C-alpha atoms as a PDB file:
ATOM      1  CA  MET A   1     101.351 123.848  93.475  1.00  0.00           C
ATOM      2  CA  LYS A   2     101.483 124.044  97.351  1.00  0.00           C
ATOM      3  CA  ARG A   3     104.126 121.930  99.168  1.00  0.00           C
ATOM      4  CA  SER A   4     104.587 121.256 102.772  1.00  0.00           C
ATOM      5  CA  ILE A   5     107.064 119.256 104.950  1.00  0.00           C
ATOM      6  CA  VAL A   6     105.539 116.253 106.600  1.00  0.00           C
ATOM      7  CA  ARG A   7     107.513 114.550 109.394  1.00  0.00           C
ATOM      8  CA  CYS A   8     107.278 110.602 109.384  1.00  0.00           C
ATOM      9  CA  GLY A   9     109.355 109.365 112.280  1.00  0.00           C
ATOM     10  CA  HIS A  10     112.823 110.511 111.655  1.00  0.00           C
ATOM     11  CA  ARG A  11     112.485 111.277 108.066  1.00  0.00           C
ATOM     12  CA  ALA A  12     111.022 114.540 106.526  1.00  0.00           C
ATOM     13  CA  ARG A  13     109.534 114.439 103.007  1.00  0.00           C
ATOM     14  CA  LEU A  14     107.610 116.765 100.815  1.00  0.00           C
ATOM     15  CA  ALA A  15     103.958 116.288 100.621  1.00  0.00           C
ATOM     16  CA  CYS A  16     102.124 117.478  97.464  1.00  0.00           C
ATOM     17  CA  ASP A  17      98.389 118.229  97.634  1.00  0.00           C
ATOM     18  CA  ALA A  18      97.770 118.558  94.020  1.00  0.00           C
ATOM     19  CA  GLY A  19      94.901 116.042  94.213  1.00  0.00           C
ATOM     20  CA  MET A  20      92.881 118.581  96.067  1.00  0.00           C
ATOM     21  CA  THR A  21      92.646 120.948  92.947  1.00  0.00           C
ATOM     22  CA  THR A  22      91.193 118.085  90.935  1.00  0.00           C
ATOM     23  CA  ALA A  23      88.592 117.397  93.615  1.00  0.00           C
ATOM     24  CA  GLU A  24      87.764 121.081  93.646  1.00  0.00           C
ATOM     25  CA  TYR A  25      87.385 121.141  89.890  1.00  0.00           C
ATOM     26  CA  ALA A  26      85.194 117.971  90.087  1.00  0.00           C
ATOM     27  CA  VAL A  27      82.921 119.626  92.684  1.00  0.00           C
ATOM     28  CA  GLY A  28      82.700 122.870  90.730  1.00  0.00           C
ATOM     29  CA  THR A  29      81.990 121.119  87.436  1.00  0.00           C
ATOM     30  CA  LEU A  30      79.220 119.123  89.217  1.00  0.00           C
ATOM     31  CA  ALA A  31      77.786 122.424  90.522  1.00  0.00           C
ATOM     32  CA  ALA A  32      77.847 124.100  87.136  1.00  0.00           C
ATOM     33  CA  CYS A  33      76.121 121.229  85.567  1.00  0.00           C
ATOM     34  CA  THR A  34      73.346 121.044  88.314  1.00  0.00           C
ATOM     35  CA  PHE A  35      72.845 124.968  87.975  1.00  0.00           C
ATOM     36  CA  ALA A  36      72.567 124.449  83.998  1.00  0.00           C
ATOM     37  CA  ILE A  37      69.946 121.592  84.604  1.00  0.00           C
ATOM     38  CA  VAL A  38      67.925 123.816  86.800  1.00  0.00           C
ATOM     39  CA  LEU A  39      68.161 126.892  84.610  1.00  0.00           C
ATOM     40  CA  LEU A  40      67.022 124.811  81.518  1.00  0.00           C
ATOM     41  CA  ALA A  41      64.105 123.440  83.645  1.00  0.00           C
ATOM     42  CA  VAL A  42      63.055 127.149  84.482  1.00  0.00           C
ATOM     43  CA  VAL A  43      63.447 128.261  80.868  1.00  0.00           C
ATOM     44  CA  LYS A  44      61.466 125.393  79.344  1.00  0.00           C
ATOM     45  CA  SER A  45      58.519 125.948  81.781  1.00  0.00           C
ATOM     46  CA  GLY A  46      55.401 127.184  80.021  1.00  0.00           C
ATOM     47  CA  THR A  47      55.364 130.631  81.471  1.00  0.00           C
ATOM     48  CA  VAL A  48      58.836 131.546  80.881  1.00  0.00           C
ATOM     49  CA  GLU A  49      58.878 129.971  77.465  1.00  0.00           C
ATOM     50  CA  THR A  50      55.870 132.003  76.385  1.00  0.00           C
ATOM     51  CA  GLY A  51      57.383 135.200  77.637  1.00  0.00           C
ATOM     52  CA  LEU A  52      60.702 134.696  75.940  1.00  0.00           C
ATOM     53  CA  SER A  53      59.007 133.913  72.750  1.00  0.00           C
ATOM     54  CA  GLY A  54      56.936 137.054  73.016  1.00  0.00           C
ATOM     55  CA  VAL A  55      60.011 139.170  73.668  1.00  0.00           C
ATOM     56  CA  ILE A  56      62.025 137.661  70.870  1.00  0.00           C
ATOM     57  CA  LEU A  57      59.107 137.976  68.267  1.00  0.00           C
ATOM     58  CA  GLU A  58      58.529 141.595  69.350  1.00  0.00           C
ATOM     59  CA  ALA A  59      62.170 142.361  68.902  1.00  0.00           C
ATOM     60  CA  LEU A  60      62.294 140.905  65.460  1.00  0.00           C
ATOM     61  CA  GLY A  61      59.215 142.798  64.612  1.00  0.00           C
ATOM     62  CA  ILE A  62      56.924 139.732  63.833  1.00  0.00           C
ATOM     63  CA  ARG A  63      54.273 140.676  66.294  1.00  0.00           C
END
């Protein structure tokens, strides 16, 4: 946790910026969820789904 001294008038106090890490985690989580939704949409598209099914069936020896 990073601490710095902030001067307010004649008094000095420690300021803690721990809230910033929470905001950064929130933005990172939102970005990861957005990426997952886009990736799911691409994988569920007809062309990709057909291609992946072909690869899996061929690997299992069903085709």
